Amino acid sequence: MNRPEVILNIVSGSFLMLILLNLSILLYVAFFKLEEIEQRFTRSRLVSINRRFLGNDPIGRLYRLSQIGGLITRPRRCHHEDSPANDDVIGLPRHLRNWVQIPINSLNWLMVGWITLWFVRYFITSSTQ
């Protein structure tokens, strides 16, 4: 193994550790903060239907959390501008919004970085052979 491969392996392993840490934070939010966040979405039909439909298992909770993250980051794409659910998004307190947005956005960027590093490592190892 040459030096660039070792460095890429260390950085890739660091990304993987950060992804696992981020997933544990998402599980914490899904189990301990999701109810409080969902209570703020009183007028969103999508949130109320999926709360009943998806249940309280870990996958259902993570899906509901990612759906609320989508409502928060892209409210106009998910609802019409005059929809009452936008008022719920606007009325969501900043600390609850941060509990949703920061882990989801950082997980997205960590995954993009990890996949990019995987491709870079693949091309470096294939070019040296």
N, C-alpha and C. Protein backbone atom coordinates (compact mmCIF):
# COMPACT_ATOMS: atom_id res chain seq x y z
N MET A 1 0.84 -1.17 0.00
CA MET A 1 0.00 0.00 0.00
C MET A 1 0.89 1.25 0.00
N ASN A 2 0.59 2.17 -0.88
CA ASN A 2 1.39 3.40 -0.91
C ASN A 2 0.74 4.47 -0.04
N ARG A 3 1.43 5.58 0.10
CA ARG A 3 1.01 6.62 1.03
C ARG A 3 -0.38 7.22 0.71
N PRO A 4 -0.73 7.54 -0.55
CA PRO A 4 -2.07 8.08 -0.81
C PRO A 4 -3.18 7.11 -0.43
N GLU A 5 -2.95 5.82 -0.63
CA GLU A 5 -3.97 4.84 -0.26
C GLU A 5 -4.18 4.80 1.24
N VAL A 6 -3.10 4.89 2.00
CA VAL A 6 -3.21 4.88 3.46
C VAL A 6 -3.96 6.11 3.94
N ILE A 7 -3.63 7.25 3.38
CA ILE A 7 -4.31 8.49 3.76
C ILE A 7 -5.80 8.40 3.41
N LEU A 8 -6.11 7.90 2.21
CA LEU A 8 -7.52 7.77 1.82
C LEU A 8 -8.25 6.78 2.71
N ASN A 9 -7.59 5.71 3.13
CA ASN A 9 -8.22 4.75 4.03
C ASN A 9 -8.51 5.37 5.39
N ILE A 10 -7.58 6.16 5.89
CA ILE A 10 -7.79 6.82 7.18
C ILE A 10 -8.92 7.83 7.10
N VAL A 11 -8.94 8.64 6.04
CA VAL A 11 -10.00 9.64 5.88
C VAL A 11 -11.35 8.96 5.66
N SER A 12 -11.36 7.89 4.88
CA SER A 12 -12.61 7.16 4.63
C SER A 12 -13.13 6.52 5.92
N GLY A 13 -12.23 5.98 6.73
CA GLY A 13 -12.64 5.43 8.02
C GLY A 13 -13.17 6.50 8.95
N SER A 14 -12.57 7.68 8.90
CA SER A 14 -13.06 8.80 9.71
C SER A 14 -14.46 9.21 9.27
N PHE A 15 -14.68 9.25 7.96
CA PHE A 15 -16.02 9.56 7.45
C PHE A 15 -17.03 8.52 7.93
N LEU A 16 -16.64 7.26 7.89
CA LEU A 16 -17.54 6.20 8.32
C LEU A 16 -17.88 6.33 9.80
N MET A 17 -16.90 6.67 10.62
CA MET A 17 -17.15 6.87 12.05
C MET A 17 -18.08 8.06 12.28
N LEU A 18 -17.89 9.14 11.52
CA LEU A 18 -18.79 10.29 11.65
C LEU A 18 -20.20 9.95 11.19
N ILE A 19 -20.33 9.13 10.17
CA ILE A 19 -21.65 8.71 9.71
C ILE A 19 -22.35 7.89 10.78
N LEU A 20 -21.63 6.98 11.42
CA LEU A 20 -22.22 6.17 12.49
C LEU A 20 -22.61 7.03 13.69
N LEU A 21 -21.78 8.01 14.03
CA LEU A 21 -22.11 8.94 15.10
C LEU A 21 -23.35 9.75 14.75
N ASN A 22 -23.43 10.18 13.51
CA ASN A 22 -24.58 10.95 13.06
C ASN A 22 -25.86 10.11 13.08
N LEU A 23 -25.75 8.84 12.70
CA LEU A 23 -26.91 7.96 12.76
C LEU A 23 -27.38 7.75 14.20
N SER A 24 -26.45 7.69 15.13
CA SER A 24 -26.86 7.57 16.53
C SER A 24 -27.56 8.84 17.01
N ILE A 25 -27.12 9.99 16.55
CA ILE A 25 -27.81 11.24 16.89
C ILE A 25 -29.21 11.25 16.27
N LEU A 26 -29.33 10.78 15.03
CA LEU A 26 -30.65 10.70 14.40
C LEU A 26 -31.57 9.75 15.15
N LEU A 27 -31.06 8.64 15.63
CA LEU A 27 -31.88 7.73 16.43
C LEU A 27 -32.31 8.38 17.74
N TYR A 28 -31.42 9.15 18.36
CA TYR A 28 -31.79 9.87 19.57
C TYR A 28 -32.94 10.85 19.29
N VAL A 29 -32.80 11.60 18.21
CA VAL A 29 -33.85 12.56 17.86
C VAL A 29 -35.14 11.83 17.53
N ALA A 30 -35.04 10.71 16.82
CA ALA A 30 -36.24 9.97 16.42
C ALA A 30 -36.98 9.40 17.63
N PHE A 31 -36.26 9.03 18.67
CA PHE A 31 -36.93 8.42 19.82
C PHE A 31 -37.26 9.40 20.94
N PHE A 32 -36.54 10.51 21.06
CA PHE A 32 -36.76 11.40 22.19
C PHE A 32 -37.25 12.79 21.83
N LYS A 33 -37.13 13.21 20.59
CA LYS A 33 -37.56 14.56 20.20
C LYS A 33 -38.68 14.55 19.16
N LEU A 34 -38.92 13.41 18.53
CA LEU A 34 -39.86 13.37 17.41
C LEU A 34 -41.29 13.71 17.84
N GLU A 35 -41.70 13.23 19.00
CA GLU A 35 -43.06 13.51 19.46
C GLU A 35 -43.27 15.01 19.66
N GLU A 36 -42.28 15.66 20.25
CA GLU A 36 -42.37 17.11 20.46
C GLU A 36 -42.41 17.86 19.14
N ILE A 37 -41.63 17.39 18.18
CA ILE A 37 -41.61 18.04 16.87
C ILE A 37 -42.92 17.82 16.14
N GLU A 38 -43.44 16.60 16.20
CA GLU A 38 -44.69 16.30 15.50
C GLU A 38 -45.88 17.03 16.10
N GLN A 39 -45.84 17.32 17.38
CA GLN A 39 -46.92 18.08 18.00
C GLN A 39 -47.04 19.49 17.44
N ARG A 40 -45.95 20.01 16.91
CA ARG A 40 -45.98 21.35 16.31
C ARG A 40 -46.61 21.36 14.93
N PHE A 41 -46.69 20.21 14.28
CA PHE A 41 -47.29 20.11 12.95
C PHE A 41 -48.76 19.70 13.08
N THR A 42 -49.55 20.59 13.60
CA THR A 42 -50.96 20.26 13.84
C THR A 42 -51.79 20.32 12.57
N ARG A 43 -51.39 21.13 11.61
CA ARG A 43 -52.18 21.29 10.39
C ARG A 43 -51.65 20.51 9.20
N SER A 44 -50.58 19.81 9.37
CA SER A 44 -50.01 19.06 8.27
C SER A 44 -50.68 17.68 8.18
N ARG A 45 -51.39 17.49 7.11
CA ARG A 45 -52.08 16.22 6.90
C ARG A 45 -51.09 15.09 6.69
N LEU A 46 -50.00 15.38 6.01
CA LEU A 46 -48.97 14.38 5.72
C LEU A 46 -48.35 13.82 7.00
N VAL A 47 -48.04 14.69 7.94
CA VAL A 47 -47.43 14.25 9.20
C VAL A 47 -48.43 13.44 10.01
N SER A 48 -49.68 13.86 10.07
CA SER A 48 -50.66 13.14 10.88
C SER A 48 -50.98 11.76 10.30
N ILE A 49 -51.04 11.65 8.98
CA ILE A 49 -51.31 10.35 8.36
C ILE A 49 -50.13 9.40 8.59
N ASN A 50 -48.93 9.88 8.36
CA ASN A 50 -47.77 9.01 8.50
C ASN A 50 -47.46 8.66 9.95
N ARG A 51 -47.89 9.48 10.89
CA ARG A 51 -47.70 9.14 12.30
C ARG A 51 -48.49 7.88 12.64
N ARG A 52 -49.69 7.78 12.09
CA ARG A 52 -50.51 6.59 12.35
C ARG A 52 -50.07 5.42 11.48
N PHE A 53 -49.70 5.69 10.24
CA PHE A 53 -49.42 4.63 9.29
C PHE A 53 -48.07 3.95 9.53
N LEU A 54 -47.03 4.73 9.83
CA LEU A 54 -45.68 4.17 9.91
C LEU A 54 -45.34 3.57 11.25
N GLY A 55 -46.04 3.93 12.29
CA GLY A 55 -45.81 3.30 13.59
C GLY A 55 -44.60 3.85 14.32
N ASN A 56 -44.22 3.13 15.39
CA ASN A 56 -43.16 3.60 16.27
C ASN A 56 -41.91 2.74 16.24
N ASP A 57 -41.76 1.89 15.24
CA ASP A 57 -40.52 1.13 15.13
C ASP A 57 -39.41 2.07 14.65
N PRO A 58 -38.14 1.69 14.79
CA PRO A 58 -37.04 2.60 14.44
C PRO A 58 -37.06 3.08 12.98
N ILE A 59 -37.39 2.20 12.05
CA ILE A 59 -37.41 2.60 10.64
C ILE A 59 -38.55 3.58 10.39
N GLY A 60 -39.71 3.33 10.97
CA GLY A 60 -40.83 4.26 10.81
C GLY A 60 -40.53 5.62 11.41
N ARG A 61 -39.90 5.62 12.57
CA ARG A 61 -39.54 6.90 13.20
C ARG A 61 -38.51 7.66 12.38
N LEU A 62 -37.51 6.96 11.86
CA LEU A 62 -36.51 7.63 11.03
C LEU A 62 -37.12 8.17 9.74
N TYR A 63 -38.06 7.42 9.17
CA TYR A 63 -38.72 7.90 7.96
C TYR A 63 -39.55 9.14 8.27
N ARG A 64 -40.28 9.12 9.38
CA ARG A 64 -41.08 10.30 9.76
C ARG A 64 -40.17 11.50 10.02
N LEU A 65 -39.02 11.25 10.64
CA LEU A 65 -38.08 12.34 10.91
C LEU A 65 -37.51 12.91 9.61
N SER A 66 -37.17 12.05 8.67
CA SER A 66 -36.65 12.55 7.40
C SER A 66 -37.73 13.27 6.61
N GLN A 67 -38.96 12.84 6.76
CA GLN A 67 -40.06 13.54 6.09
C GLN A 67 -40.26 14.94 6.68
N ILE A 68 -40.18 15.05 7.98
CA ILE A 68 -40.28 16.37 8.61
C ILE A 68 -39.08 17.23 8.21
N GLY A 69 -37.91 16.61 8.08
CA GLY A 69 -36.74 17.34 7.60
C GLY A 69 -36.96 17.88 6.21
N GLY A 70 -37.63 17.11 5.36
CA GLY A 70 -37.96 17.59 4.02
C GLY A 70 -38.95 18.74 4.05
N LEU A 71 -39.92 18.66 4.96
CA LEU A 71 -40.88 19.76 5.10
C LEU A 71 -40.20 21.03 5.58
N ILE A 72 -39.21 20.87 6.45
CA ILE A 72 -38.53 22.05 6.99
C ILE A 72 -37.60 22.67 5.96
N THR A 73 -36.83 21.84 5.26
CA THR A 73 -35.85 22.41 4.33
C THR A 73 -36.45 22.84 3.01
N ARG A 74 -37.52 22.19 2.59
CA ARG A 74 -38.16 22.54 1.31
C ARG A 74 -39.67 22.64 1.47
N PRO A 75 -40.15 23.63 2.20
CA PRO A 75 -41.60 23.69 2.45
C PRO A 75 -42.42 23.98 1.20
N ARG A 76 -41.91 24.77 0.28
CA ARG A 76 -42.68 25.10 -0.91
C ARG A 76 -42.77 23.94 -1.88
N ARG A 77 -41.78 23.07 -1.87
CA ARG A 77 -41.82 21.90 -2.74
C ARG A 77 -42.83 20.87 -2.23
N CYS A 78 -42.97 20.78 -0.91
CA CYS A 78 -43.85 19.77 -0.33
C CYS A 78 -45.30 20.25 -0.20
N HIS A 79 -45.49 21.52 -0.11
CA HIS A 79 -46.83 22.09 0.04
C HIS A 79 -46.97 23.29 -0.88
N HIS A 80 -48.21 23.69 -1.10
CA HIS A 80 -48.44 24.93 -1.82
C HIS A 80 -48.10 26.09 -0.92
N GLU A 81 -47.87 27.24 -1.51
CA GLU A 81 -47.47 28.40 -0.72
C GLU A 81 -48.52 28.81 0.30
N ASP A 82 -49.78 28.65 -0.03
CA ASP A 82 -50.83 29.09 0.88
C ASP A 82 -51.30 27.97 1.81
N SER A 83 -50.59 26.88 1.84
CA SER A 83 -50.98 25.75 2.68
C SER A 83 -50.79 26.09 4.15
N PRO A 84 -51.69 25.65 5.01
CA PRO A 84 -51.52 25.92 6.44
C PRO A 84 -50.33 25.18 7.05
N ALA A 85 -49.82 24.14 6.39
CA ALA A 85 -48.66 23.43 6.92
C ALA A 85 -47.42 24.31 6.90
N ASN A 86 -47.36 25.27 5.98
CA ASN A 86 -46.22 26.19 5.98
C ASN A 86 -46.18 27.03 7.24
N ASP A 87 -47.35 27.34 7.78
CA ASP A 87 -47.38 28.07 9.05
C ASP A 87 -46.80 27.23 10.18
N ASP A 88 -47.04 25.91 10.11
CA ASP A 88 -46.43 25.03 11.11
C ASP A 88 -44.92 25.03 11.00
N VAL A 89 -44.42 25.04 9.78
CA VAL A 89 -42.96 25.06 9.58
C VAL A 89 -42.39 26.38 10.07
N ILE A 90 -43.06 27.47 9.76
CA ILE A 90 -42.58 28.79 10.19
C ILE A 90 -42.64 28.90 11.71
N GLY A 91 -43.68 28.32 12.34
CA GLY A 91 -43.84 28.40 13.78
C GLY A 91 -42.99 27.43 14.58
N LEU A 92 -42.25 26.57 13.92
CA LEU A 92 -41.41 25.60 14.62
C LEU A 92 -40.25 26.33 15.29
N PRO A 93 -40.05 26.13 16.58
CA PRO A 93 -38.95 26.82 17.27
C PRO A 93 -37.59 26.44 16.69
N ARG A 94 -36.66 27.35 16.82
CA ARG A 94 -35.34 27.18 16.22
C ARG A 94 -34.60 25.96 16.78
N HIS A 95 -34.73 25.71 18.10
CA HIS A 95 -33.99 24.58 18.67
C HIS A 95 -34.53 23.25 18.16
N LEU A 96 -35.83 23.14 17.91
CA LEU A 96 -36.37 21.91 17.33
C LEU A 96 -35.99 21.78 15.86
N ARG A 97 -36.00 22.89 15.17
CA ARG A 97 -35.59 22.88 13.76
C ARG A 97 -34.14 22.43 13.62
N ASN A 98 -33.28 22.88 14.54
CA ASN A 98 -31.88 22.47 14.49
C ASN A 98 -31.71 20.99 14.80
N TRP A 99 -32.54 20.43 15.70
CA TRP A 99 -32.47 19.00 15.99
C TRP A 99 -32.78 18.17 14.76
N VAL A 100 -33.55 18.71 13.84
CA VAL A 100 -33.89 17.96 12.63
C VAL A 100 -32.90 18.27 11.51
N GLN A 101 -32.65 19.54 11.26
CA GLN A 101 -31.87 19.93 10.09
C GLN A 101 -30.40 19.56 10.18
N ILE A 102 -29.76 19.81 11.29
CA ILE A 102 -28.31 19.60 11.37
C ILE A 102 -27.92 18.14 11.17
N PRO A 103 -28.55 17.17 11.87
CA PRO A 103 -28.13 15.77 11.62
C PRO A 103 -28.47 15.28 10.21
N ILE A 104 -29.62 15.67 9.67
CA ILE A 104 -29.99 15.19 8.34
C ILE A 104 -29.08 15.79 7.27
N ASN A 105 -28.83 17.09 7.34
CA ASN A 105 -27.96 17.72 6.35
C ASN A 105 -26.52 17.22 6.47
N SER A 106 -26.03 17.07 7.69
CA SER A 106 -24.66 16.59 7.83
C SER A 106 -24.54 15.14 7.37
N LEU A 107 -25.57 14.32 7.60
CA LEU A 107 -25.53 12.94 7.10
C LEU A 107 -25.48 12.92 5.58
N ASN A 108 -26.25 13.78 4.95
CA ASN A 108 -26.22 13.85 3.49
C ASN A 108 -24.83 14.22 2.98
N TRP A 109 -24.21 15.23 3.57
CA TRP A 109 -22.88 15.65 3.11
C TRP A 109 -21.82 14.62 3.45
N LEU A 110 -21.95 13.96 4.59
CA LEU A 110 -20.99 12.91 4.92
C LEU A 110 -21.08 11.74 3.95
N MET A 111 -22.28 11.38 3.57
CA MET A 111 -22.45 10.29 2.60
C MET A 111 -21.87 10.68 1.24
N VAL A 112 -22.10 11.91 0.81
CA VAL A 112 -21.52 12.36 -0.46
C VAL A 112 -20.00 12.33 -0.39
N GLY A 113 -19.44 12.79 0.71
CA GLY A 113 -17.99 12.78 0.87
C GLY A 113 -17.43 11.36 0.91
N TRP A 114 -18.13 10.47 1.60
CA TRP A 114 -17.65 9.09 1.71
C TRP A 114 -17.68 8.39 0.35
N ILE A 115 -18.76 8.58 -0.40
CA ILE A 115 -18.86 7.98 -1.73
C ILE A 115 -17.80 8.57 -2.66
N THR A 116 -17.56 9.87 -2.56
CA THR A 116 -16.52 10.50 -3.38
C THR A 116 -15.15 9.92 -3.04
N LEU A 117 -14.88 9.75 -1.76
CA LEU A 117 -13.61 9.15 -1.36
C LEU A 117 -13.49 7.71 -1.86
N TRP A 118 -14.59 6.99 -1.87
CA TRP A 118 -14.57 5.62 -2.36
C TRP A 118 -14.19 5.59 -3.84
N PHE A 119 -14.80 6.51 -4.63
CA PHE A 119 -14.45 6.58 -6.05
C PHE A 119 -13.01 7.00 -6.26
N VAL A 120 -12.53 7.97 -5.49
CA VAL A 120 -11.14 8.41 -5.60
C VAL A 120 -10.21 7.26 -5.26
N ARG A 121 -10.51 6.53 -4.19
CA ARG A 121 -9.68 5.39 -3.81
C ARG A 121 -9.71 4.31 -4.89
N TYR A 122 -10.87 4.09 -5.47
CA TYR A 122 -10.99 3.09 -6.53
C TYR A 122 -10.13 3.46 -7.73
N PHE A 123 -10.17 4.74 -8.14
CA PHE A 123 -9.39 5.14 -9.30
C PHE A 123 -7.90 5.21 -9.01
N ILE A 124 -7.51 5.52 -7.78
CA ILE A 124 -6.10 5.53 -7.45
C ILE A 124 -5.55 4.11 -7.44
N THR A 125 -6.30 3.18 -6.87
CA THR A 125 -5.80 1.80 -6.82
C THR A 125 -5.84 1.14 -8.20
N SER A 126 -6.81 1.50 -9.04
CA SER A 126 -6.86 0.90 -10.38
C SER A 126 -5.79 1.49 -11.30
N SER A 127 -5.38 2.73 -11.06
CA SER A 127 -4.36 3.33 -11.91
C SER A 127 -2.96 2.85 -11.56
N THR A 128 -2.77 2.39 -10.33
CA THR A 128 -1.43 1.92 -9.92
C THR A 128 -1.20 0.47 -10.30
N GLN A 129 -2.23 -0.24 -10.66
CA GLN A 129 -2.07 -1.67 -11.02
C GLN A 129 -1.76 -1.85 -12.47
